[in-house]
PDB file of N, CA and C in Angstrom:
ATOM      1  N   UNK A   1      17.287   2.259  32.309  1.00  0.00           N
ATOM      2  CA  UNK A   1      18.620   1.758  32.761  1.00  0.00           C
ATOM      3  C   UNK A   1      20.273   2.500  32.681  1.00  0.00           C
ATOM      4  N   UNK A   2      20.319   2.742  31.603  1.00  0.00           N
ATOM      5  CA  UNK A   2      21.573   3.372  31.266  1.00  0.00           C
ATOM      6  C   UNK A   2      21.510   4.904  31.352  1.00  0.00           C
ATOM      7  N   UNK A   3      20.459   5.401  31.348  1.00  0.00           N
ATOM      8  CA  UNK A   3      20.681   6.973  31.954  1.00  0.00           C
ATOM      9  C   UNK A   3      20.633   7.073  33.157  1.00  0.00           C
ATOM     10  N   UNK A   4      20.064   5.901  34.065  1.00  0.00           N
ATOM     11  CA  UNK A   4      19.950   6.068  35.578  1.00  0.00           C
ATOM     12  C   UNK A   4      21.604   6.100  36.237  1.00  0.00           C
ATOM     13  N   UNK A   5      22.306   5.176  35.185  1.00  0.00           N
ATOM     14  CA  UNK A   5      23.682   4.747  35.609  1.00  0.00           C
ATOM     15  C   UNK A   5      24.683   5.430  34.936  1.00  0.00           C
ATOM     16  N   UNK A   6      24.359   6.418  34.060  1.00  0.00           N
ATOM     17  CA  UNK A   6      25.321   7.529  33.259  1.00  0.00           C
ATOM     18  C   UNK A   6      26.260   6.516  32.761  1.00  0.00           C
ATOM     19  N   UNK A   7      25.722   5.640  31.379  1.00  0.00           N
ATOM     20  CA  UNK A   7      26.211   4.805  30.625  1.00  0.00           C
ATOM     21  C   UNK A   7      25.885   4.868  29.580  1.00  0.00           C
ATOM     22  N   UNK A   8      26.690   4.318  28.496  1.00  0.00           N
ATOM     23  CA  UNK A   8      26.497   4.575  26.833  1.00  0.00           C
ATOM     24  C   UNK A   8      25.596   3.212  26.728  1.00  0.00           C
ATOM     25  N   UNK A   9      24.644   3.138  25.956  1.00  0.00           N
ATOM     26  CA  UNK A   9      24.061   1.886  25.542  1.00  0.00           C
ATOM     27  C   UNK A   9      24.163   1.850  24.144  1.00  0.00           C
ATOM     28  N   UNK A  10      23.841   0.279  23.810  1.00  0.00           N
ATOM     29  CA  UNK A  10      23.091   0.134  22.439  1.00  0.00           C
ATOM     30  C   UNK A  10      21.927  -1.047  22.391  1.00  0.00           C
ATOM     31  N   UNK A  11      20.859  -1.111  21.624  1.00  0.00           N
ATOM     32  CA  UNK A  11      20.055  -1.872  22.070  1.00  0.00           C
ATOM     33  C   UNK A  11      19.660  -2.230  20.641  1.00  0.00           C
ATOM     34  N   UNK A  12      18.900  -3.544  20.566  1.00  0.00           N
ATOM     35  CA  UNK A  12      18.028  -4.313  19.340  1.00  0.00           C
ATOM     36  C   UNK A  12      17.160  -5.085  19.507  1.00  0.00           C
ATOM     37  N   UNK A  13      16.010  -4.751  18.952  1.00  0.00           N
ATOM     38  CA  UNK A  13      14.738  -5.413  19.659  1.00  0.00           C
ATOM     39  C   UNK A  13      14.808  -7.038  19.089  1.00  0.00           C
ATOM     40  N   UNK A  14      14.683  -7.979  19.561  1.00  0.00           N
ATOM     41  CA  UNK A  14      14.746  -9.212  18.810  1.00  0.00           C
ATOM     42  C   UNK A  14      13.326  -9.714  18.592  1.00  0.00           C
ATOM     43  N   UNK A  15      12.238  -9.517  19.577  1.00  0.00           N
ATOM     44  CA  UNK A  15      11.292  -9.635  19.541  1.00  0.00           C
ATOM     45  C   UNK A  15       9.964  -8.647  20.145  1.00  0.00           C
ATOM     46  N   UNK A  16       8.843  -8.942  19.287  1.00  0.00           N
ATOM     47  CA  UNK A  16       7.622  -7.470  19.908  1.00  0.00           C
ATOM     48  C   UNK A  16       6.879  -8.685  20.254  1.00  0.00           C
ATOM     49  N   UNK A  17       6.671  -8.438  21.443  1.00  0.00           N
ATOM     50  CA  UNK A  17       5.233  -9.686  22.085  1.00  0.00           C
ATOM     51  C   UNK A  17       4.114  -8.971  21.797  1.00  0.00           C
ATOM     52  N   UNK A  18       3.135  -9.940  20.995  1.00  0.00           N
ATOM     53  CA  UNK A  18       1.843  -9.599  20.408  1.00  0.00           C
ATOM     54  C   UNK A  18       0.756 -10.068  21.572  1.00  0.00           C
ATOM     55  N   UNK A  19       0.699  -9.470  22.685  1.00  0.00           N
ATOM     56  CA  UNK A  19      -0.089  -9.762  23.942  1.00  0.00           C
ATOM     57  C   UNK A  19      -1.530  -9.546  23.560  1.00  0.00           C
ATOM     58  N   UNK A  20      -2.220 -10.660  23.836  1.00  0.00           N
ATOM     59  CA  UNK A  20      -3.892  -9.993  23.466  1.00  0.00           C
ATOM     60  C   UNK A  20      -4.506 -10.608  24.856  1.00  0.00           C
ATOM     61  N   UNK A  21      -5.645  -9.749  24.321  1.00  0.00           N
ATOM     62  CA  UNK A  21      -6.900  -9.775  25.354  1.00  0.00           C
ATOM     63  C   UNK A  21      -7.401 -11.382  25.446  1.00  0.00           C
ATOM     64  N   UNK A  22      -8.485 -11.733  26.316  1.00  0.00           N
ATOM     65  CA  UNK A  22      -9.016 -13.281  26.227  1.00  0.00           C
ATOM     66  C   UNK A  22      -9.551 -13.154  25.411  1.00  0.00           C
ATOM     67  N   UNK A  23     -10.282 -11.878  24.854  1.00  0.00           N
ATOM     68  CA  UNK A  23     -11.020 -12.513  23.582  1.00  0.00           C
ATOM     69  C   UNK A  23     -10.515 -12.729  22.325  1.00  0.00           C
ATOM     70  N   UNK A  24      -8.664 -12.463  22.479  1.00  0.00           N
ATOM     71  CA  UNK A  24      -8.392 -12.822  21.189  1.00  0.00           C
ATOM     72  C   UNK A  24      -7.614 -11.566  20.368  1.00  0.00           C
ATOM     73  N   UNK A  25      -8.631 -10.568  20.756  1.00  0.00           N
ATOM     74  CA  UNK A  25      -7.892  -8.961  20.107  1.00  0.00           C
ATOM     75  C   UNK A  25      -6.930  -8.245  20.566  1.00  0.00           C
ATOM     76  N   UNK A  26      -6.229  -7.667  19.860  1.00  0.00           N
ATOM     77  CA  UNK A  26      -4.498  -7.478  20.343  1.00  0.00           C
ATOM     78  C   UNK A  26      -5.011  -6.213  21.563  1.00  0.00           C
ATOM     79  N   UNK A  27      -3.740  -6.253  22.548  1.00  0.00           N
ATOM     80  CA  UNK A  27      -3.934  -4.742  23.459  1.00  0.00           C
ATOM     81  C   UNK A  27      -3.708  -3.739  22.442  1.00  0.00           C
ATOM     82  N   UNK A  28      -4.172  -2.353  22.978  1.00  0.00           N
ATOM     83  CA  UNK A  28      -3.940  -1.479  22.101  1.00  0.00           C
ATOM     84  C   UNK A  28      -2.958  -0.532  22.950  1.00  0.00           C
ATOM     85  N   UNK A  29      -2.196   0.366  22.470  1.00  0.00           N
ATOM     86  CA  UNK A  29      -1.157   1.068  23.212  1.00  0.00           C
ATOM     87  C   UNK A  29      -0.327   0.350  24.114  1.00  0.00           C
ATOM     88  N   UNK A  30      -0.044  -0.947  23.809  1.00  0.00           N
ATOM     89  CA  UNK A  30       1.045  -1.525  24.753  1.00  0.00           C
ATOM     90  C   UNK A  30       1.819  -2.071  23.574  1.00  0.00           C
ATOM     91  N   UNK A  31       3.151  -2.080  23.893  1.00  0.00           N
ATOM     92  CA  UNK A  31       4.284  -2.898  23.149  1.00  0.00           C
ATOM     93  C   UNK A  31       5.428  -3.307  24.276  1.00  0.00           C
ATOM     94  N   UNK A  32       5.665  -4.339  24.069  1.00  0.00           N
ATOM     95  CA  UNK A  32       6.179  -4.835  24.912  1.00  0.00           C
ATOM     96  C   UNK A  32       7.528  -5.638  24.162  1.00  0.00           C
ATOM     97  N   UNK A  33       8.522  -5.104  24.111  1.00  0.00           N
ATOM     98  CA  UNK A  33       9.760  -5.481  22.788  1.00  0.00           C
ATOM     99  C   UNK A  33      11.174  -6.343  23.888  1.00  0.00           C
ATOM    100  N   UNK A  34      11.162  -7.464  23.533  1.00  0.00           N
ATOM    101  CA  UNK A  34      12.604  -8.471  24.128  1.00  0.00           C
ATOM    102  C   UNK A  34      13.485  -8.157  23.076  1.00  0.00           C
ATOM    103  N   UNK A  35      14.827  -7.854  23.499  1.00  0.00           N
ATOM    104  CA  UNK A  35      15.949  -7.721  22.656  1.00  0.00           C
ATOM    105  C   UNK A  35      17.532  -7.946  23.376  1.00  0.00           C
ATOM    106  N   UNK A  36      18.754  -7.613  22.905  1.00  0.00           N
ATOM    107  CA  UNK A  36      19.786  -7.433  23.538  1.00  0.00           C
ATOM    108  C   UNK A  36      20.200  -5.923  23.464  1.00  0.00           C
ATOM    109  N   UNK A  37      20.829  -5.920  24.427  1.00  0.00           N
ATOM    110  CA  UNK A  37      21.583  -4.701  25.348  1.00  0.00           C
ATOM    111  C   UNK A  37      22.770  -4.726  25.431  1.00  0.00           C
ATOM    112  N   UNK A  38      23.673  -3.522  25.176  1.00  0.00           N
ATOM    113  CA  UNK A  38      25.263  -3.629  25.988  1.00  0.00           C
ATOM    114  C   UNK A  38      25.101  -1.952  26.534  1.00  0.00           C
ATOM    115  N   UNK A  39      25.686  -2.322  27.328  1.00  0.00           N
ATOM    116  CA  UNK A  39      25.847  -0.672  28.559  1.00  0.00           C
ATOM    117  C   UNK A  39      27.427  -1.198  28.672  1.00  0.00           C
ATOM    118  N   UNK A  40      28.078   0.386  28.609  1.00  0.00           N
ATOM    119  CA  UNK A  40      29.210   0.614  28.220  1.00  0.00           C
ATOM    120  C   UNK A  40      29.779   1.898  29.338  1.00  0.00           C
ATOM    121  N   UNK A  41      30.803   2.187  30.222  1.00  0.00           N
ATOM    122  CA  UNK A  41      30.847   3.163  30.496  1.00  0.00           C
ATOM    123  C   UNK A  41      31.913   4.135  30.130  1.00  0.00           C
ATOM    124  N   UNK A  42      32.224   3.699  28.223  1.00  0.00           N
ATOM    125  CA  UNK A  42      33.056   4.001  27.220  1.00  0.00           C
ATOM    126  C   UNK A  42      31.888   4.217  26.203  1.00  0.00           C
ATOM    127  N   UNK A  43      32.748   5.069  25.277  1.00  0.00           N
ATOM    128  CA  UNK A  43      31.407   5.285  24.140  1.00  0.00           C
ATOM    129  C   UNK A  43      31.330   4.257  23.270  1.00  0.00           C
ATOM    130  N   UNK A  44      30.271   3.412  22.717  1.00  0.00           N
ATOM    131  CA  UNK A  44      29.794   2.555  21.812  1.00  0.00           C
ATOM    132  C   UNK A  44      29.864   3.084  20.616  1.00  0.00           C
ATOM    133  N   UNK A  45      30.643   2.526  19.442  1.00  0.00           N
ATOM    134  CA  UNK A  45      30.823   2.734  18.170  1.00  0.00           C
ATOM    135  C   UNK A  45      30.390   1.575  17.045  1.00  0.00           C
ATOM    136  N   UNK A  46      30.159   1.768  15.908  1.00  0.00           N
ATOM    137  CA  UNK A  46      30.181   1.115  14.961  1.00  0.00           C
ATOM    138  C   UNK A  46      28.729  -0.464  15.366  1.00  0.00           C
ATOM    139  N   UNK A  47      28.129   0.049  15.923  1.00  0.00           N
ATOM    140  CA  UNK A  47      26.816  -0.589  16.225  1.00  0.00           C
ATOM    141  C   UNK A  47      26.345  -1.225  14.481  1.00  0.00           C
ATOM    142  N   UNK A  48      26.330  -2.966  15.060  1.00  0.00           N
ATOM    143  CA  UNK A  48      25.863  -3.505  13.792  1.00  0.00           C
ATOM    144  C   UNK A  48      24.772  -4.493  14.652  1.00  0.00           C
ATOM    145  N   UNK A  49      24.117  -4.887  13.215  1.00  0.00           N
ATOM    146  CA  UNK A  49      23.101  -6.206  14.108  1.00  0.00           C
ATOM    147  C   UNK A  49      23.053  -7.084  13.094  1.00  0.00           C
ATOM    148  N   UNK A  50      23.031  -8.266  13.338  1.00  0.00           N
ATOM    149  CA  UNK A  50      23.208  -9.565  12.569  1.00  0.00           C
ATOM    150  C   UNK A  50      21.780 -10.364  12.790  1.00  0.00           C
ATOM    151  N   UNK A  51      20.667 -10.376  11.760  1.00  0.00           N
ATOM    152  CA  UNK A  51      19.618 -11.087  11.775  1.00  0.00           C
ATOM    153  C   UNK A  51      19.553 -12.432  11.725  1.00  0.00           C
ATOM    154  N   UNK A  52      19.505 -13.298  12.424  1.00  0.00           N
ATOM    155  CA  UNK A  52      19.708 -15.206  11.832  1.00  0.00           C
ATOM    156  C   UNK A  52      18.230 -15.152  11.016  1.00  0.00           C
ATOM    157  N   UNK A  53      18.511 -15.846  10.024  1.00  0.00           N
ATOM    158  CA  UNK A  53      17.527 -16.369   9.109  1.00  0.00           C
ATOM    159  C   UNK A  53      16.507 -17.489   9.810  1.00  0.00           C
ATOM    160  N   UNK A  54      17.399 -18.362  10.153  1.00  0.00           N
ATOM    161  CA  UNK A  54      16.834 -19.849  10.926  1.00  0.00           C
ATOM    162  C   UNK A  54      16.769 -19.679  12.256  1.00  0.00           C
ATOM    163  N   UNK A  55      15.603 -19.938  12.317  1.00  0.00           N
ATOM    164  CA  UNK A  55      15.312 -19.875  14.379  1.00  0.00           C
ATOM    165  C   UNK A  55      14.729 -21.590  14.554  1.00  0.00           C
ATOM    166  N   UNK A  56      15.266 -21.913  15.588  1.00  0.00           N
ATOM    167  CA  UNK A  56      15.099 -22.865  16.345  1.00  0.00           C
ATOM    168  C   UNK A  56      13.480 -23.366  16.677  1.00  0.00           C
ATOM    169  N   UNK A  57      12.990 -22.088  17.411  1.00  0.00           N
ATOM    170  CA  UNK A  57      11.632 -22.542  17.947  1.00  0.00           C
ATOM    171  C   UNK A  57      10.648 -20.711  17.900  1.00  0.00           C
ATOM    172  N   UNK A  58       9.793 -21.690  17.724  1.00  0.00           N
ATOM    173  CA  UNK A  58       8.358 -20.506  17.532  1.00  0.00           C
ATOM    174  C   UNK A  58       8.476 -19.993  19.181  1.00  0.00           C
ATOM    175  N   UNK A  59       8.310 -18.608  19.173  1.00  0.00           N
ATOM    176  CA  UNK A  59       8.002 -18.488  20.358  1.00  0.00           C
ATOM    177  C   UNK A  59       6.472 -17.850  20.708  1.00  0.00           C
ATOM    178  N   UNK A  60       5.661 -18.778  20.632  1.00  0.00           N
ATOM    179  CA  UNK A  60       3.992 -17.719  21.334  1.00  0.00           C
ATOM    180  C   UNK A  60       3.614 -16.536  20.041  1.00  0.00           C
ATOM    181  N   UNK A  61       3.320 -15.846  21.101  1.00  0.00           N
ATOM    182  CA  UNK A  61       2.528 -14.754  20.050  1.00  0.00           C
ATOM    183  C   UNK A  61       3.558 -13.506  19.958  1.00  0.00           C
ATOM    184  N   UNK A  62       4.518 -13.918  19.716  1.00  0.00           N
ATOM    185  CA  UNK A  62       5.965 -13.144  19.440  1.00  0.00           C
ATOM    186  C   UNK A  62       6.006 -12.786  18.014  1.00  0.00           C
ATOM    187  N   UNK A  63       6.327 -11.348  17.439  1.00  0.00           N
ATOM    188  CA  UNK A  63       7.351 -11.219  16.111  1.00  0.00           C
ATOM    189  C   UNK A  63       8.483 -10.991  15.942  1.00  0.00           C
ATOM    190  N   UNK A  64       9.023 -11.405  15.295  1.00  0.00           N
ATOM    191  CA  UNK A  64      10.415 -11.272  15.265  1.00  0.00           C
ATOM    192  C   UNK A  64      11.264 -12.504  15.204  1.00  0.00           C
ATOM    193  N   UNK A  65      12.880 -12.493  15.670  1.00  0.00           N
ATOM    194  CA  UNK A  65      13.650 -13.815  15.701  1.00  0.00           C
ATOM    195  C   UNK A  65      14.564 -13.073  16.122  1.00  0.00           C
ATOM    196  N   UNK A  66      15.495 -13.983  16.141  1.00  0.00           N
ATOM    197  CA  UNK A  66      17.309 -13.840  16.902  1.00  0.00           C
ATOM    198  C   UNK A  66      18.051 -13.227  16.632  1.00  0.00           C
ATOM    199  N   UNK A  67      18.836 -12.390  16.895  1.00  0.00           N
ATOM    200  CA  UNK A  67      19.750 -11.371  16.387  1.00  0.00           C
ATOM    201  C   UNK A  67      20.897 -11.333  17.433  1.00  0.00           C
ATOM    202  N   UNK A  68      21.805 -10.615  16.452  1.00  0.00           N
ATOM    203  CA  UNK A  68      23.326 -10.332  17.307  1.00  0.00           C
ATOM    204  C   UNK A  68      23.042  -9.195  17.417  1.00  0.00           C
ATOM    205  N   UNK A  69      23.858  -8.100  18.424  1.00  0.00           N
ATOM    206  CA  UNK A  69      24.245  -7.124  18.327  1.00  0.00           C
ATOM    207  C   UNK A  69      25.821  -6.714  18.508  1.00  0.00           C
ATOM    208  N   UNK A  70      26.343  -6.263  17.700  1.00  0.00           N
ATOM    209  CA  UNK A  70      27.868  -6.030  17.435  1.00  0.00           C
ATOM    210  C   UNK A  70      28.283  -4.673  17.568  1.00  0.00           C
ATOM    211  N   UNK A  71      29.401  -4.343  18.420  1.00  0.00           N
ATOM    212  CA  UNK A  71      29.816  -3.049  18.205  1.00  0.00           C
ATOM    213  C   UNK A  71      31.148  -2.995  18.870  1.00  0.00           C
ATOM    214  N   UNK A  72      31.504  -1.779  18.929  1.00  0.00           N
ATOM    215  CA  UNK A  72      32.989  -1.228  19.359  1.00  0.00           C
ATOM    216  C   UNK A  72      33.212  -0.127  20.480  1.00  0.00           C
ATOM    217  N   UNK A  73      33.698  -0.806  21.582  1.00  0.00           N
ATOM    218  CA  UNK A  73      33.940  -0.286  22.926  1.00  0.00           C
ATOM    219  C   UNK A  73      35.106   1.025  22.820  1.00  0.00           C
ATOM    220  N   UNK A  74      34.995   2.137  22.819  1.00  0.00           N
ATOM    221  CA  UNK A  74      36.093   2.979  22.677  1.00  0.00           C
ATOM    222  C   UNK A  74      36.887   3.152  23.983  1.00  0.00           C
ATOM    223  N   UNK A  75      37.836   2.523  24.522  1.00  0.00           N
ATOM    224  CA  UNK A  75      38.379   2.682  25.502  1.00  0.00           C
ATOM    225  C   UNK A  75      39.298   3.857  25.782  1.00  0.00           C
ATOM    226  N   UNK A  76      39.813   4.295  24.776  1.00  0.00           N
ATOM    227  CA  UNK A  76      41.084   5.468  24.532  1.00  0.00           C
ATOM    228  C   UNK A  76      41.048   5.128  23.068  1.00  0.00           C
ATOM    229  N   UNK A  77      41.593   6.461  22.396  1.00  0.00           N
ATOM    230  CA  UNK A  77      41.927   6.418  20.939  1.00  0.00           C
ATOM    231  C   UNK A  77      42.889   5.297  20.258  1.00  0.00           C
ATOM    232  N   UNK A  78      43.838   4.974  21.187  1.00  0.00           N
ATOM    233  CA  UNK A  78      44.073   3.654  20.706  1.00  0.00           C
ATOM    234  C   UNK A  78      43.716   2.295  20.798  1.00  0.00           C
ATOM    235  N   UNK A  79      42.773   2.343  21.709  1.00  0.00           N
ATOM    236  CA  UNK A  79      42.218   1.108  22.220  1.00  0.00           C
ATOM    237  C   UNK A  79      40.558   0.763  21.882  1.00  0.00           C
ATOM    238  N   UNK A  80      40.178  -0.093  21.252  1.00  0.00           N
ATOM    239  CA  UNK A  80      39.114  -0.333  21.369  1.00  0.00           C
ATOM    240  C   UNK A  80      38.639  -2.107  21.343  1.00  0.00           C
ATOM    241  N   UNK A  81      37.427  -1.985  21.603  1.00  0.00           N
ATOM    242  CA  UNK A  81      37.200  -3.664  22.089  1.00  0.00           C
ATOM    243  C   UNK A  81      35.788  -4.015  21.303  1.00  0.00           C
ATOM    244  N   UNK A  82      35.837  -5.220  20.300  1.00  0.00           N
ATOM    245  CA  UNK A  82      34.569  -5.235  19.671  1.00  0.00           C
ATOM    246  C   UNK A  82      33.624  -6.412  20.573  1.00  0.00           C
ATOM    247  N   UNK A  83      32.622  -5.851  20.790  1.00  0.00           N
ATOM    248  CA  UNK A  83      31.796  -6.911  21.624  1.00  0.00           C
ATOM    249  C   UNK A  83      30.545  -7.735  20.843  1.00  0.00           C
ATOM    250  N   UNK A  84      30.039  -8.973  21.060  1.00  0.00           N
ATOM    251  CA  UNK A  84      28.977  -9.032  20.011  1.00  0.00           C
ATOM    252  C   UNK A  84      28.022 -10.078  21.519  1.00  0.00           C
ATOM    253  N   UNK A  85      26.879  -9.628  21.352  1.00  0.00           N
ATOM    254  CA  UNK A  85      25.928  -9.820  22.083  1.00  0.00           C
ATOM    255  C   UNK A  85      24.768 -10.477  21.577  1.00  0.00           C
ATOM    256  N   UNK A  86      24.655 -12.147  21.947  1.00  0.00           N
ATOM    257  CA  UNK A  86      23.913 -12.759  21.325  1.00  0.00           C
ATOM    258  C   UNK A  86      23.157 -13.339  22.032  1.00  0.00           C
ATOM    259  N   UNK A  87      21.590 -13.639  22.345  1.00  0.00           N
ATOM    260  CA  UNK A  87      20.872 -14.815  23.293  1.00  0.00           C
ATOM    261  C   UNK A  87      20.956 -16.027  22.163  1.00  0.00           C
ATOM    262  N   UNK A  88      21.181 -16.909  22.948  1.00  0.00           N
ATOM    263  CA  UNK A  88      21.354 -18.008  22.081  1.00  0.00           C
ATOM    264  C   UNK A  88      19.776 -19.255  22.200  1.00  0.00           C
ATOM    265  N   UNK A  89      19.311 -20.083  21.499  1.00  0.00           N
ATOM    266  CA  UNK A  89      18.246 -20.694  21.837  1.00  0.00           C
ATOM    267  C   UNK A  89      18.479 -21.831  22.599  1.00  0.00           C
ATOM    268  N   UNK A  90      17.675 -22.090  23.243  1.00  0.00           N
ATOM    269  CA  UNK A  90      17.750 -23.130  24.028  1.00  0.00           C
ATOM    270  C   UNK A  90      16.285 -24.389  24.134  1.00  0.00           C
ATOM    271  N   UNK A  91      15.963 -24.559  22.608  1.00  0.00           N
ATOM    272  CA  UNK A  91      15.315 -25.557  21.945  1.00  0.00           C
ATOM    273  C   UNK A  91      15.565 -26.647  21.498  1.00  0.00           C
ATOM    274  N   UNK A  92      14.811 -27.444  20.549  1.00  0.00           N
ATOM    275  CA  UNK A  92      14.953 -28.463  19.514  1.00  0.00           C
ATOM    276  C   UNK A  92      14.931 -27.902  17.859  1.00  0.00           C
ATOM    277  N   UNK A  93      15.327 -28.595  17.316  1.00  0.00           N
ATOM    278  CA  UNK A  93      15.299 -28.562  15.690  1.00  0.00           C
ATOM    279  C   UNK A  93      13.647 -29.008  15.325  1.00  0.00           C
ATOM    280  N   UNK A  94      12.984 -29.914  16.238  1.00  0.00           N
ATOM    281  CA  UNK A  94      11.655 -30.134  16.057  1.00  0.00           C
ATOM    282  C   UNK A  94      10.803 -29.217  15.405  1.00  0.00           C
ATOM    283  N   UNK A  95      11.147 -27.587  15.768  1.00  0.00           N
ATOM    284  CA  UNK A  95       9.702 -26.972  15.470  1.00  0.00           C
ATOM    285  C   UNK A  95      10.634 -25.539  14.686  1.00  0.00           C
ATOM    286  N   UNK A  96      11.332 -25.921  13.535  1.00  0.00           N
ATOM    287  CA  UNK A  96      12.370 -25.107  12.604  1.00  0.00           C
ATOM    288  C   UNK A  96      11.655 -24.338  12.331  1.00  0.00           C
ATOM    289  N   UNK A  97      11.560 -22.787  12.158  1.00  0.00           N
ATOM    290  CA  UNK A  97      10.817 -21.767  11.725  1.00  0.00           C
ATOM    291  C   UNK A  97      11.106 -21.473  10.339  1.00  0.00           C
TER     292      UNK A  97
END
């Protein structure tokens, strides 16, 4: 998407979807990732990730966990903006992982 829009981007994988066939065997040559991304028309610098130790809810056949993507957007030499992209949970603590 970033290339087609001619934008800078940063991306971090939050989950890898471990899809399986009907017999329970893993799909081969297939990997679906779910994560957080930042798109910007300005350069993205100082990209960092923060992976959370505690997770509220396990998500079926997915490997990984919640994560924040933190970066500086360099608007000019004198001005940059720090952004933090996070996908918040919407579950209950009954399934604390």
